[in-house]
Amino acid sequence: MKLIKAYVRYRKMEEVYDALKHEGFYSMTFVECEGTGRYSDHEKEHISYKYPFAEAYRVIKLEILAADEHVIPVIQLIRKNARTGYNGDGVIVVSPVDSAYKVRTDEEGILAI
């Protein structure tokens, strides 16, 4: 089991979500945040001036737990639907998950997701 974290443009999140849902991946978490990175001037979506050291841009962090066999399909869906071809398209990070527990039913492991 893996935890996939994807940082994508705010305006691309709906496309990513719809693609994942269409393929049967329903359980995911979205967090609106601001980040810094390499962005093209004409691709700036949201600038925050509360950080004097850098401009911050509006991004969405998507988190999804996936069985090992679903990791590559999920990554491919995110990459395909989040890509614009410009700097700032985001990054995907995959981490191992030792265990997972469903609070309501006490299911464990892959059954919890």
PDB file of N, CA and C in Angstrom:
ATOM      1  N   MET A   1       0.851  -1.166   0.000  1.00  0.00           N
ATOM      2  CA  MET A   1       0.000   0.000   0.000  1.00  0.00           C
ATOM      3  C   MET A   1       0.900   1.234   0.000  1.00  0.00           C
ATOM      4  N   LYS A   2       0.483   2.255  -0.740  1.00  0.00           N
ATOM      5  CA  LYS A   2       1.268   3.482  -0.870  1.00  0.00           C
ATOM      6  C   LYS A   2       0.385   4.711  -0.630  1.00  0.00           C
ATOM      7  N   LEU A   3       1.040   5.777  -0.178  1.00  0.00           N
ATOM      8  CA  LEU A   3       0.394   7.079  -0.079  1.00  0.00           C
ATOM      9  C   LEU A   3       0.939   7.935  -1.208  1.00  0.00           C
ATOM     10  N   ILE A   4       0.055   8.385  -2.061  1.00  0.00           N
ATOM     11  CA  ILE A   4       0.431   9.240  -3.188  1.00  0.00           C
ATOM     12  C   ILE A   4       0.036  10.662  -2.829  1.00  0.00           C
ATOM     13  N   LYS A   5       1.010  11.556  -2.867  1.00  0.00           N
ATOM     14  CA  LYS A   5       0.754  12.981  -2.662  1.00  0.00           C
ATOM     15  C   LYS A   5       1.089  13.683  -3.971  1.00  0.00           C
ATOM     16  N   ALA A   6       0.138  14.431  -4.461  1.00  0.00           N
ATOM     17  CA  ALA A   6       0.343  15.172  -5.705  1.00  0.00           C
ATOM     18  C   ALA A   6       0.055  16.642  -5.449  1.00  0.00           C
ATOM     19  N   TYR A   7       0.959  17.485  -5.872  1.00  0.00           N
ATOM     20  CA  TYR A   7       0.800  18.932  -5.757  1.00  0.00           C
ATOM     21  C   TYR A   7       0.533  19.436  -7.174  1.00  0.00           C
ATOM     22  N   VAL A   8      -0.671  19.935  -7.404  1.00  0.00           N
ATOM     23  CA  VAL A   8      -1.064  20.330  -8.760  1.00  0.00           C
ATOM     24  C   VAL A   8      -1.651  21.742  -8.757  1.00  0.00           C
ATOM     25  N   ARG A   9      -1.695  22.318  -9.938  1.00  0.00           N
ATOM     26  CA  ARG A   9      -2.289  23.645 -10.093  1.00  0.00           C
ATOM     27  C   ARG A   9      -3.739  23.631  -9.621  1.00  0.00           C
ATOM     28  N   TYR A  10      -4.121  24.702  -8.985  1.00  0.00           N
ATOM     29  CA  TYR A  10      -5.491  24.840  -8.489  1.00  0.00           C
ATOM     30  C   TYR A  10      -6.502  24.635  -9.617  1.00  0.00           C
ATOM     31  N   ARG A  11      -6.238  25.239 -10.749  1.00  0.00           N
ATOM     32  CA  ARG A  11      -7.211  25.190 -11.846  1.00  0.00           C
ATOM     33  C   ARG A  11      -7.274  23.841 -12.563  1.00  0.00           C
ATOM     34  N   LYS A  12      -6.352  22.929 -12.268  1.00  0.00           N
ATOM     35  CA  LYS A  12      -6.358  21.607 -12.889  1.00  0.00           C
ATOM     36  C   LYS A  12      -6.969  20.530 -11.991  1.00  0.00           C
ATOM     37  N   MET A  13      -7.278  20.878 -10.755  1.00  0.00           N
ATOM     38  CA  MET A  13      -7.726  19.878  -9.799  1.00  0.00           C
ATOM     39  C   MET A  13      -9.033  19.212 -10.204  1.00  0.00           C
ATOM     40  N   GLU A  14      -9.955  19.958 -10.753  1.00  0.00           N
ATOM     41  CA  GLU A  14     -11.235  19.360 -11.148  1.00  0.00           C
ATOM     42  C   GLU A  14     -11.031  18.280 -12.211  1.00  0.00           C
ATOM     43  N   GLU A  15     -10.158  18.534 -13.164  1.00  0.00           N
ATOM     44  CA  GLU A  15      -9.868  17.535 -14.207  1.00  0.00           C
ATOM     45  C   GLU A  15      -9.237  16.288 -13.604  1.00  0.00           C
ATOM     46  N   VAL A  16      -8.305  16.478 -12.675  1.00  0.00           N
ATOM     47  CA  VAL A  16      -7.648  15.351 -12.019  1.00  0.00           C
ATOM     48  C   VAL A  16      -8.674  14.549 -11.230  1.00  0.00           C
ATOM     49  N   TYR A  17      -9.483  15.222 -10.442  1.00  0.00           N
ATOM     50  CA  TYR A  17     -10.506  14.562  -9.639  1.00  0.00           C
ATOM     51  C   TYR A  17     -11.475  13.766 -10.516  1.00  0.00           C
ATOM     52  N   ASP A  18     -11.977  14.387 -11.579  1.00  0.00           N
ATOM     53  CA  ASP A  18     -12.933  13.711 -12.455  1.00  0.00           C
ATOM     54  C   ASP A  18     -12.322  12.464 -13.091  1.00  0.00           C
ATOM     55  N   ALA A  19     -11.070  12.542 -13.505  1.00  0.00           N
ATOM     56  CA  ALA A  19     -10.402  11.399 -14.132  1.00  0.00           C
ATOM     57  C   ALA A  19     -10.225  10.258 -13.138  1.00  0.00           C
ATOM     58  N   LEU A  20      -9.799  10.588 -11.918  1.00  0.00           N
ATOM     59  CA  LEU A  20      -9.628   9.550 -10.898  1.00  0.00           C
ATOM     60  C   LEU A  20     -10.963   8.900 -10.544  1.00  0.00           C
ATOM     61  N   LYS A  21     -11.983   9.721 -10.362  1.00  0.00           N
ATOM     62  CA  LYS A  21     -13.313   9.208 -10.022  1.00  0.00           C
ATOM     63  C   LYS A  21     -13.859   8.318 -11.138  1.00  0.00           C
ATOM     64  N   HIS A  22     -13.661   8.736 -12.376  1.00  0.00           N
ATOM     65  CA  HIS A  22     -14.132   7.964 -13.532  1.00  0.00           C
ATOM     66  C   HIS A  22     -13.508   6.572 -13.575  1.00  0.00           C
ATOM     67  N   GLU A  23     -12.273   6.457 -13.080  1.00  0.00           N
ATOM     68  CA  GLU A  23     -11.581   5.169 -13.082  1.00  0.00           C
ATOM     69  C   GLU A  23     -11.777   4.384 -11.781  1.00  0.00           C
ATOM     70  N   GLY A  24     -12.646   4.891 -10.885  1.00  0.00           N
ATOM     71  CA  GLY A  24     -12.995   4.149  -9.688  1.00  0.00           C
ATOM     72  C   GLY A  24     -12.204   4.488  -8.442  1.00  0.00           C
ATOM     73  N   PHE A  25     -11.407   5.553  -8.488  1.00  0.00           N
ATOM     74  CA  PHE A  25     -10.651   5.982  -7.313  1.00  0.00           C
ATOM     75  C   PHE A  25     -11.426   7.129  -6.655  1.00  0.00           C
ATOM     76  N   TYR A  26     -12.135   6.813  -5.585  1.00  0.00           N
ATOM     77  CA  TYR A  26     -13.036   7.779  -4.964  1.00  0.00           C
ATOM     78  C   TYR A  26     -12.491   8.407  -3.693  1.00  0.00           C
ATOM     79  N   SER A  27     -11.694   7.682  -2.941  1.00  0.00           N
ATOM     80  CA  SER A  27     -11.251   8.148  -1.631  1.00  0.00           C
ATOM     81  C   SER A  27      -9.973   8.956  -1.744  1.00  0.00           C
ATOM     82  N   MET A  28     -10.116  10.247  -1.627  1.00  0.00           N
ATOM     83  CA  MET A  28      -8.961  11.131  -1.704  1.00  0.00           C
ATOM     84  C   MET A  28      -9.204  12.361  -0.865  1.00  0.00           C
ATOM     85  N   THR A  29      -8.127  13.020  -0.516  1.00  0.00           N
ATOM     86  CA  THR A  29      -8.194  14.229   0.293  1.00  0.00           C
ATOM     87  C   THR A  29      -7.547  15.362  -0.482  1.00  0.00           C
ATOM     88  N   PHE A  30      -8.176  16.532  -0.435  1.00  0.00           N
ATOM     89  CA  PHE A  30      -7.632  17.723  -1.082  1.00  0.00           C
ATOM     90  C   PHE A  30      -7.359  18.778  -0.031  1.00  0.00           C
ATOM     91  N   VAL A  31      -6.219  19.427  -0.152  1.00  0.00           N
ATOM     92  CA  VAL A  31      -5.870  20.519   0.744  1.00  0.00           C
ATOM     93  C   VAL A  31      -5.443  21.697  -0.117  1.00  0.00           C
ATOM     94  N   GLU A  32      -6.111  22.825   0.057  1.00  0.00           N
ATOM     95  CA  GLU A  32      -5.703  24.029  -0.665  1.00  0.00           C
ATOM     96  C   GLU A  32      -4.517  24.637   0.076  1.00  0.00           C
ATOM     97  N   CYS A  33      -3.469  24.949  -0.663  1.00  0.00           N
ATOM     98  CA  CYS A  33      -2.278  25.498  -0.032  1.00  0.00           C
ATOM     99  C   CYS A  33      -1.570  26.448  -1.001  1.00  0.00           C
ATOM    100  N   GLU A  34      -0.499  27.007  -0.534  1.00  0.00           N
ATOM    101  CA  GLU A  34       0.326  27.864  -1.365  1.00  0.00           C
ATOM    102  C   GLU A  34       1.722  27.290  -1.369  1.00  0.00           C
ATOM    103  N   GLY A  35       2.363  27.363  -2.515  1.00  0.00           N
ATOM    104  CA  GLY A  35       3.708  26.818  -2.620  1.00  0.00           C
ATOM    105  C   GLY A  35       4.565  27.678  -3.512  1.00  0.00           C
ATOM    106  N   THR A  36       5.834  27.398  -3.464  1.00  0.00           N
ATOM    107  CA  THR A  36       6.767  28.093  -4.329  1.00  0.00           C
ATOM    108  C   THR A  36       7.441  27.081  -5.237  1.00  0.00           C
ATOM    109  N   GLY A  37       7.960  27.542  -6.317  1.00  0.00           N
ATOM    110  CA  GLY A  37       8.631  26.675  -7.278  1.00  0.00           C
ATOM    111  C   GLY A  37       8.985  27.483  -8.502  1.00  0.00           C
ATOM    112  N   ARG A  38       9.206  26.779  -9.589  1.00  0.00           N
ATOM    113  CA  ARG A  38       9.529  27.448 -10.844  1.00  0.00           C
ATOM    114  C   ARG A  38       8.253  27.675 -11.646  1.00  0.00           C
ATOM    115  N   TYR A  39       7.827  28.922 -11.706  1.00  0.00           N
ATOM    116  CA  TYR A  39       6.603  29.275 -12.414  1.00  0.00           C
ATOM    117  C   TYR A  39       6.929  30.289 -13.495  1.00  0.00           C
ATOM    118  N   SER A  40       6.273  30.156 -14.632  1.00  0.00           N
ATOM    119  CA  SER A  40       6.395  31.144 -15.696  1.00  0.00           C
ATOM    120  C   SER A  40       5.573  32.365 -15.319  1.00  0.00           C
ATOM    121  N   ASP A  41       6.047  33.556 -15.689  1.00  0.00           N
ATOM    122  CA  ASP A  41       5.314  34.781 -15.362  1.00  0.00           C
ATOM    123  C   ASP A  41       3.888  34.737 -15.890  1.00  0.00           C
ATOM    124  N   HIS A  42       3.689  34.211 -17.099  1.00  0.00           N
ATOM    125  CA  HIS A  42       2.346  34.205 -17.665  1.00  0.00           C
ATOM    126  C   HIS A  42       1.482  33.079 -17.097  1.00  0.00           C
ATOM    127  N   GLU A  43       2.021  32.234 -16.239  1.00  0.00           N
ATOM    128  CA  GLU A  43       1.258  31.156 -15.632  1.00  0.00           C
ATOM    129  C   GLU A  43       0.911  31.421 -14.172  1.00  0.00           C
ATOM    130  N   LYS A  44       1.211  32.592 -13.664  1.00  0.00           N
ATOM    131  CA  LYS A  44       0.910  32.894 -12.266  1.00  0.00           C
ATOM    132  C   LYS A  44      -0.607  32.883 -12.056  1.00  0.00           C
ATOM    133  N   GLU A  45      -1.044  32.103 -11.099  1.00  0.00           N
ATOM    134  CA  GLU A  45      -2.482  31.991 -10.843  1.00  0.00           C
ATOM    135  C   GLU A  45      -2.905  32.777  -9.619  1.00  0.00           C
ATOM    136  N   HIS A  46      -2.030  32.839  -8.646  1.00  0.00           N
ATOM    137  CA  HIS A  46      -2.391  33.502  -7.395  1.00  0.00           C
ATOM    138  C   HIS A  46      -1.093  33.910  -6.711  1.00  0.00           C
ATOM    139  N   ILE A  47      -0.959  35.153  -6.411  1.00  0.00           N
ATOM    140  CA  ILE A  47       0.252  35.627  -5.761  1.00  0.00           C
ATOM    141  C   ILE A  47      -0.094  36.094  -4.368  1.00  0.00           C
ATOM    142  N   SER A  48       0.677  35.656  -3.408  1.00  0.00           N
ATOM    143  CA  SER A  48       0.497  36.087  -2.027  1.00  0.00           C
ATOM    144  C   SER A  48       1.727  36.871  -1.620  1.00  0.00           C
ATOM    145  N   TYR A  49       1.524  38.003  -1.045  1.00  0.00           N
ATOM    146  CA  TYR A  49       2.655  38.832  -0.636  1.00  0.00           C
ATOM    147  C   TYR A  49       2.925  38.722   0.857  1.00  0.00           C
ATOM    148  N   LYS A  50       2.353  37.724   1.524  1.00  0.00           N
ATOM    149  CA  LYS A  50       2.627  37.593   2.942  1.00  0.00           C
ATOM    150  C   LYS A  50       3.980  36.946   3.217  1.00  0.00           C
ATOM    151  N   TYR A  51       4.638  36.423   2.191  1.00  0.00           N
ATOM    152  CA  TYR A  51       5.975  35.856   2.329  1.00  0.00           C
ATOM    153  C   TYR A  51       6.957  36.785   1.643  1.00  0.00           C
ATOM    154  N   PRO A  52       7.720  37.556   2.386  1.00  0.00           N
ATOM    155  CA  PRO A  52       8.598  38.548   1.764  1.00  0.00           C
ATOM    156  C   PRO A  52       9.730  37.929   0.958  1.00  0.00           C
ATOM    157  N   PHE A  53      10.071  36.662   1.218  1.00  0.00           N
ATOM    158  CA  PHE A  53      11.201  36.040   0.546  1.00  0.00           C
ATOM    159  C   PHE A  53      10.844  35.430  -0.804  1.00  0.00           C
ATOM    160  N   ALA A  54       9.578  35.225  -1.080  1.00  0.00           N
ATOM    161  CA  ALA A  54       9.190  34.600  -2.350  1.00  0.00           C
ATOM    162  C   ALA A  54       7.706  34.806  -2.595  1.00  0.00           C
ATOM    163  N   GLU A  55       7.336  34.729  -3.841  1.00  0.00           N
ATOM    164  CA  GLU A  55       5.920  34.743  -4.185  1.00  0.00           C
ATOM    165  C   GLU A  55       5.390  33.327  -4.010  1.00  0.00           C
ATOM    166  N   ALA A  56       4.209  33.196  -3.479  1.00  0.00           N
ATOM    167  CA  ALA A  56       3.603  31.883  -3.286  1.00  0.00           C
ATOM    168  C   ALA A  56       2.434  31.740  -4.251  1.00  0.00           C
ATOM    169  N   TYR A  57       2.201  30.524  -4.719  1.00  0.00           N
ATOM    170  CA  TYR A  57       1.180  30.270  -5.721  1.00  0.00           C
ATOM    171  C   TYR A  57       0.182  29.254  -5.194  1.00  0.00           C
ATOM    172  N   ARG A  58      -1.046  29.437  -5.582  1.00  0.00           N
ATOM    173  CA  ARG A  58      -2.145  28.598  -5.135  1.00  0.00           C
ATOM    174  C   ARG A  58      -2.027  27.205  -5.768  1.00  0.00           C
ATOM    175  N   VAL A  59      -1.960  26.194  -4.932  1.00  0.00           N
ATOM    176  CA  VAL A  59      -1.881  24.816  -5.401  1.00  0.00           C
ATOM    177  C   VAL A  59      -2.810  23.955  -4.553  1.00  0.00           C
ATOM    178  N   ILE A  60      -3.068  22.766  -5.057  1.00  0.00           N
ATOM    179  CA  ILE A  60      -3.852  21.779  -4.332  1.00  0.00           C
ATOM    180  C   ILE A  60      -2.952  20.590  -4.047  1.00  0.00           C
ATOM    181  N   LYS A  61      -2.979  20.134  -2.790  1.00  0.00           N
ATOM    182  CA  LYS A  61      -2.293  18.888  -2.459  1.00  0.00           C
ATOM    183  C   LYS A  61      -3.361  17.804  -2.422  1.00  0.00           C
ATOM    184  N   LEU A  62      -3.183  16.804  -3.238  1.00  0.00           N
ATOM    185  CA  LEU A  62      -4.078  15.660  -3.301  1.00  0.00           C
ATOM    186  C   LEU A  62      -3.380  14.503  -2.604  1.00  0.00           C
ATOM    187  N   GLU A  63      -4.079  13.826  -1.711  1.00  0.00           N
ATOM    188  CA  GLU A  63      -3.550  12.631  -1.071  1.00  0.00           C
ATOM    189  C   GLU A  63      -4.499  11.480  -1.349  1.00  0.00           C
ATOM    190  N   ILE A  64      -3.930  10.354  -1.764  1.00  0.00           N
ATOM    191  CA  ILE A  64      -4.744   9.181  -2.044  1.00  0.00           C
ATOM    192  C   ILE A  64      -3.972   7.935  -1.629  1.00  0.00           C
ATOM    193  N   LEU A  65      -4.617   7.068  -0.851  1.00  0.00           N
ATOM    194  CA  LEU A  65      -4.041   5.773  -0.504  1.00  0.00           C
ATOM    195  C   LEU A  65      -4.386   4.803  -1.617  1.00  0.00           C
ATOM    196  N   ALA A  66      -3.400   4.018  -2.040  1.00  0.00           N
ATOM    197  CA  ALA A  66      -3.637   3.103  -3.148  1.00  0.00           C
ATOM    198  C   ALA A  66      -2.954   1.768  -2.898  1.00  0.00           C
ATOM    199  N   ALA A  67      -3.602   0.711  -3.337  1.00  0.00           N
ATOM    200  CA  ALA A  67      -2.972  -0.601  -3.334  1.00  0.00           C
ATOM    201  C   ALA A  67      -1.777  -0.541  -4.290  1.00  0.00           C
ATOM    202  N   ASP A  68      -0.780  -1.371  -4.029  1.00  0.00           N
ATOM    203  CA  ASP A  68       0.440  -1.335  -4.838  1.00  0.00           C
ATOM    204  C   ASP A  68       0.156  -1.429  -6.340  1.00  0.00           C
ATOM    205  N   GLU A  69      -0.799  -2.259  -6.721  1.00  0.00           N
ATOM    206  CA  GLU A  69      -1.094  -2.440  -8.150  1.00  0.00           C
ATOM    207  C   GLU A  69      -1.810  -1.242  -8.772  1.00  0.00           C
ATOM    208  N   HIS A  70      -2.315  -0.321  -7.954  1.00  0.00           N
ATOM    209  CA  HIS A  70      -3.010   0.862  -8.472  1.00  0.00           C
ATOM    210  C   HIS A  70      -2.130   2.111  -8.521  1.00  0.00           C
ATOM    211  N   VAL A  71      -0.931   2.039  -7.994  1.00  0.00           N
ATOM    212  CA  VAL A  71      -0.073   3.224  -7.911  1.00  0.00           C
ATOM    213  C   VAL A  71       0.239   3.784  -9.295  1.00  0.00           C
ATOM    214  N   ILE A  72       0.697   2.964 -10.198  1.00  0.00           N
ATOM    215  CA  ILE A  72       1.066   3.453 -11.542  1.00  0.00           C
ATOM    216  C   ILE A  72      -0.149   4.019 -12.278  1.00  0.00           C
ATOM    217  N   PRO A  73      -1.306   3.332 -12.304  1.00  0.00           N
ATOM    218  CA  PRO A  73      -2.477   3.933 -12.964  1.00  0.00           C
ATOM    219  C   PRO A  73      -2.890   5.279 -12.361  1.00  0.00           C
ATOM    220  N   VAL A  74      -2.826   5.413 -11.032  1.00  0.00           N
ATOM    221  CA  VAL A  74      -3.182   6.682 -10.395  1.00  0.00           C
ATOM    222  C   VAL A  74      -2.200   7.773 -10.815  1.00  0.00           C
ATOM    223  N   ILE A  75      -0.916   7.468 -10.785  1.00  0.00           N
ATOM    224  CA  ILE A  75       0.105   8.446 -11.193  1.00  0.00           C
ATOM    225  C   ILE A  75      -0.110   8.865 -12.644  1.00  0.00           C
ATOM    226  N   GLN A  76      -0.380   7.910 -13.513  1.00  0.00           N
ATOM    227  CA  GLN A  76      -0.601   8.234 -14.930  1.00  0.00           C
ATOM    228  C   GLN A  76      -1.811   9.143 -15.112  1.00  0.00           C
ATOM    229  N   LEU A  77      -2.880   8.885 -14.382  1.00  0.00           N
ATOM    230  CA  LEU A  77      -4.071   9.733 -14.475  1.00  0.00           C
ATOM    231  C   LEU A  77      -3.768  11.148 -13.992  1.00  0.00           C
ATOM    232  N   ILE A  78      -3.055  11.262 -12.884  1.00  0.00           N
ATOM    233  CA  ILE A  78      -2.718  12.590 -12.366  1.00  0.00           C
ATOM    234  C   ILE A  78      -1.839  13.335 -13.350  1.00  0.00           C
ATOM    235  N   ARG A  79      -0.797  12.678 -13.844  1.00  0.00           N
ATOM    236  CA  ARG A  79       0.126  13.340 -14.780  1.00  0.00           C
ATOM    237  C   ARG A  79      -0.589  13.799 -16.046  1.00  0.00           C
ATOM    238  N   LYS A  80      -1.427  12.938 -16.585  1.00  0.00           N
ATOM    239  CA  LYS A  80      -2.137  13.266 -17.828  1.00  0.00           C
ATOM    240  C   LYS A  80      -3.072  14.466 -17.651  1.00  0.00           C
ATOM    241  N   ASN A  81      -3.772  14.516 -16.520  1.00  0.00           N
ATOM    242  CA  ASN A  81      -4.799  15.536 -16.332  1.00  0.00           C
ATOM    243  C   ASN A  81      -4.316  16.796 -15.637  1.00  0.00           C
ATOM    244  N   ALA A  82      -3.127  16.771 -15.044  1.00  0.00           N
ATOM    245  CA  ALA A  82      -2.594  17.963 -14.374  1.00  0.00           C
ATOM    246  C   ALA A  82      -1.624  18.740 -15.255  1.00  0.00           C
ATOM    247  N   ARG A  83      -1.164  18.144 -16.312  1.00  0.00           N
ATOM    248  CA  ARG A  83      -0.110  18.738 -17.144  1.00  0.00           C
ATOM    249  C   ARG A  83      -0.624  19.883 -18.017  1.00  0.00           C
ATOM    250  N   THR A  84       0.124  20.985 -18.001  1.00  0.00           N
ATOM    251  CA  THR A  84      -0.111  22.087 -18.939  1.00  0.00           C
ATOM    252  C   THR A  84       1.075  22.261 -19.870  1.00  0.00           C
ATOM    253  N   GLY A  85       2.237  21.751 -19.460  1.00  0.00           N
ATOM    254  CA  GLY A  85       3.450  21.917 -20.244  1.00  0.00           C
ATOM    255  C   GLY A  85       4.292  23.102 -19.804  1.00  0.00           C
ATOM    256  N   TYR A  86       3.844  23.808 -18.796  1.00  0.00           N
ATOM    257  CA  TYR A  86       4.573  24.973 -18.289  1.00  0.00           C
ATOM    258  C   TYR A  86       5.183  24.661 -16.928  1.00  0.00           C
ATOM    259  N   ASN A  87       6.201  25.446 -16.559  1.00  0.00           N
ATOM    260  CA  ASN A  87       6.762  25.338 -15.220  1.00  0.00           C
ATOM    261  C   ASN A  87       5.640  25.487 -14.202  1.00  0.00           C
ATOM    262  N   GLY A  88       5.720  24.707 -13.126  1.00  0.00           N
ATOM    263  CA  GLY A  88       4.711  24.808 -12.079  1.00  0.00           C
ATOM    264  C   GLY A  88       3.596  23.786 -12.192  1.00  0.00           C
ATOM    265  N   ASP A  89       3.752  22.788 -13.072  1.00  0.00           N
ATOM    266  CA  ASP A  89       2.714  21.767 -13.213  1.00  0.00           C
ATOM    267  C   ASP A  89       2.588  20.878 -11.982  1.00  0.00           C
ATOM    268  N   GLY A  90       3.591  20.880 -11.123  1.00  0.00           N
ATOM    269  CA  GLY A  90       3.476  20.154  -9.866  1.00  0.00           C
ATOM    270  C   GLY A  90       4.443  18.998  -9.749  1.00  0.00           C
ATOM    271  N   VAL A  91       4.230  18.235  -8.703  1.00  0.00           N
ATOM    272  CA  VAL A  91       5.081  17.082  -8.406  1.00  0.00           C
ATOM    273  C   VAL A  91       4.233  16.015  -7.730  1.00  0.00           C
ATOM    274  N   ILE A  92       4.632  14.754  -7.913  1.00  0.00           N
ATOM    275  CA  ILE A  92       3.958  13.620  -7.287  1.00  0.00           C
ATOM    276  C   ILE A  92       4.984  12.883  -6.443  1.00  0.00           C
ATOM    277  N   VAL A  93       4.606  12.561  -5.206  1.00  0.00           N
ATOM    278  CA  VAL A  93       5.482  11.847  -4.287  1.00  0.00           C
ATOM    279  C   VAL A  93       4.756  10.581  -3.839  1.00  0.00           C
ATOM    280  N   VAL A  94       5.471   9.463  -3.832  1.00  0.00           N
ATOM    281  CA  VAL A  94       4.885   8.197  -3.399  1.00  0.00           C
ATOM    282  C   VAL A  94       5.673   7.683  -2.196  1.00  0.00           C
ATOM    283  N   SER A  95       4.945   7.346  -1.125  1.00  0.00           N
ATOM    284  CA  SER A  95       5.563   6.846   0.104  1.00  0.00           C
ATOM    285  C   SER A  95       4.920   5.528   0.506  1.00  0.00           C
ATOM    286  N   PRO A  96       5.699   4.630   1.101  1.00  0.00           N
ATOM    287  CA  PRO A  96       5.105   3.385   1.600  1.00  0.00           C
ATOM    288  C   PRO A  96       4.223   3.646   2.820  1.00  0.00           C
ATOM    289  N   VAL A  97       3.210   2.815   2.980  1.00  0.00           N
ATOM    290  CA  VAL A  97       2.318   2.894   4.137  1.00  0.00           C
ATOM    291  C   VAL A  97       2.399   1.545   4.851  1.00  0.00           C
ATOM    292  N   ASP A  98       2.757   1.580   6.118  1.00  0.00           N
ATOM    293  CA  ASP A  98       2.891   0.344   6.893  1.00  0.00           C
ATOM    294  C   ASP A  98       1.543  -0.267   7.241  1.00  0.00           C
ATOM    295  N   SER A  99       0.583   0.580   7.586  1.00  0.00           N
ATOM    296  CA  SER A  99      -0.722   0.057   7.954  1.00  0.00           C
ATOM    297  C   SER A  99      -1.771   1.146   7.834  1.00  0.00           C
ATOM    298  N   ALA A 100      -3.016   0.703   7.733  1.00  0.00           N
ATOM    299  CA  ALA A 100      -4.153   1.624   7.679  1.00  0.00           C
ATOM    300  C   ALA A 100      -5.307   0.968   8.427  1.00  0.00           C
ATOM    301  N   TYR A 101      -6.115   1.800   9.071  1.00  0.00           N
ATOM    302  CA  TYR A 101      -7.237   1.292   9.875  1.00  0.00           C
ATOM    303  C   TYR A 101      -8.469   2.133   9.596  1.00  0.00           C
ATOM    304  N   LYS A 102      -9.583   1.477   9.353  1.00  0.00           N
ATOM    305  CA  LYS A 102     -10.846   2.179   9.181  1.00  0.00           C
ATOM    306  C   LYS A 102     -11.488   2.329  10.548  1.00  0.00           C
ATOM    307  N   VAL A 103     -11.763   3.544  10.944  1.00  0.00           N
ATOM    308  CA  VAL A 103     -12.270   3.827  12.280  1.00  0.00           C
ATOM    309  C   VAL A 103     -13.638   3.199  12.506  1.00  0.00           C
ATOM    310  N   ARG A 104     -14.533   3.358  11.546  1.00  0.00           N
ATOM    311  CA  ARG A 104     -15.914   2.903  11.729  1.00  0.00           C
ATOM    312  C   ARG A 104     -16.033   1.385  11.843  1.00  0.00           C
ATOM    313  N   THR A 105     -15.277   0.644  11.020  1.00  0.00           N
ATOM    314  CA  THR A 105     -15.479  -0.815  10.949  1.00  0.00           C
ATOM    315  C   THR A 105     -14.329  -1.635  11.528  1.00  0.00           C
ATOM    316  N   ASP A 106     -13.245  -0.989  11.901  1.00  0.00           N
ATOM    317  CA  ASP A 106     -12.044  -1.668  12.395  1.00  0.00           C
ATOM    318  C   ASP A 106     -11.347  -2.509  11.326  1.00  0.00           C
ATOM    319  N   GLU A 107     -11.687  -2.310  10.054  1.00  0.00           N
ATOM    320  CA  GLU A 107     -10.964  -3.021   8.999  1.00  0.00           C
ATOM    321  C   GLU A 107      -9.524  -2.515   8.963  1.00  0.00           C
ATOM    322  N   GLU A 108      -8.636  -3.388   8.520  1.00  0.00           N
ATOM    323  CA  GLU A 108      -7.221  -3.055   8.500  1.00  0.00           C
ATOM    324  C   GLU A 108      -6.624  -3.284   7.115  1.00  0.00           C
ATOM    325  N   GLY A 109      -5.473  -2.644   6.905  1.00  0.00           N
ATOM    326  CA  GLY A 109      -4.725  -2.845   5.680  1.00  0.00           C
ATOM    327  C   GLY A 109      -5.478  -2.371   4.464  1.00  0.00           C
ATOM    328  N   ILE A 110      -5.394  -3.147   3.394  1.00  0.00           N
ATOM    329  CA  ILE A 110      -6.003  -2.764   2.126  1.00  0.00           C
ATOM    330  C   ILE A 110      -7.520  -2.661   2.250  1.00  0.00           C
ATOM    331  N   LEU A 111      -8.129  -3.403   3.176  1.00  0.00           N
ATOM    332  CA  LEU A 111      -9.583  -3.328   3.370  1.00  0.00           C
ATOM    333  C   LEU A 111     -10.011  -1.984   3.934  1.00  0.00           C
ATOM    334  N   ALA A 112      -9.089  -1.283   4.579  1.00  0.00           N
ATOM    335  CA  ALA A 112      -9.408   0.019   5.169  1.00  0.00           C
ATOM    336  C   ALA A 112      -9.504   1.127   4.118  1.00  0.00           C
ATOM    337  N   ILE A 113      -8.966   0.863   2.937  1.00  0.00           N
ATOM    338  CA  ILE A 113      -9.051   1.884   1.896  1.00  0.00           C
ATOM    339  C   ILE A 113     -10.042   1.450   0.867  1.00  0.00           C
TER     340      ILE A 113
END
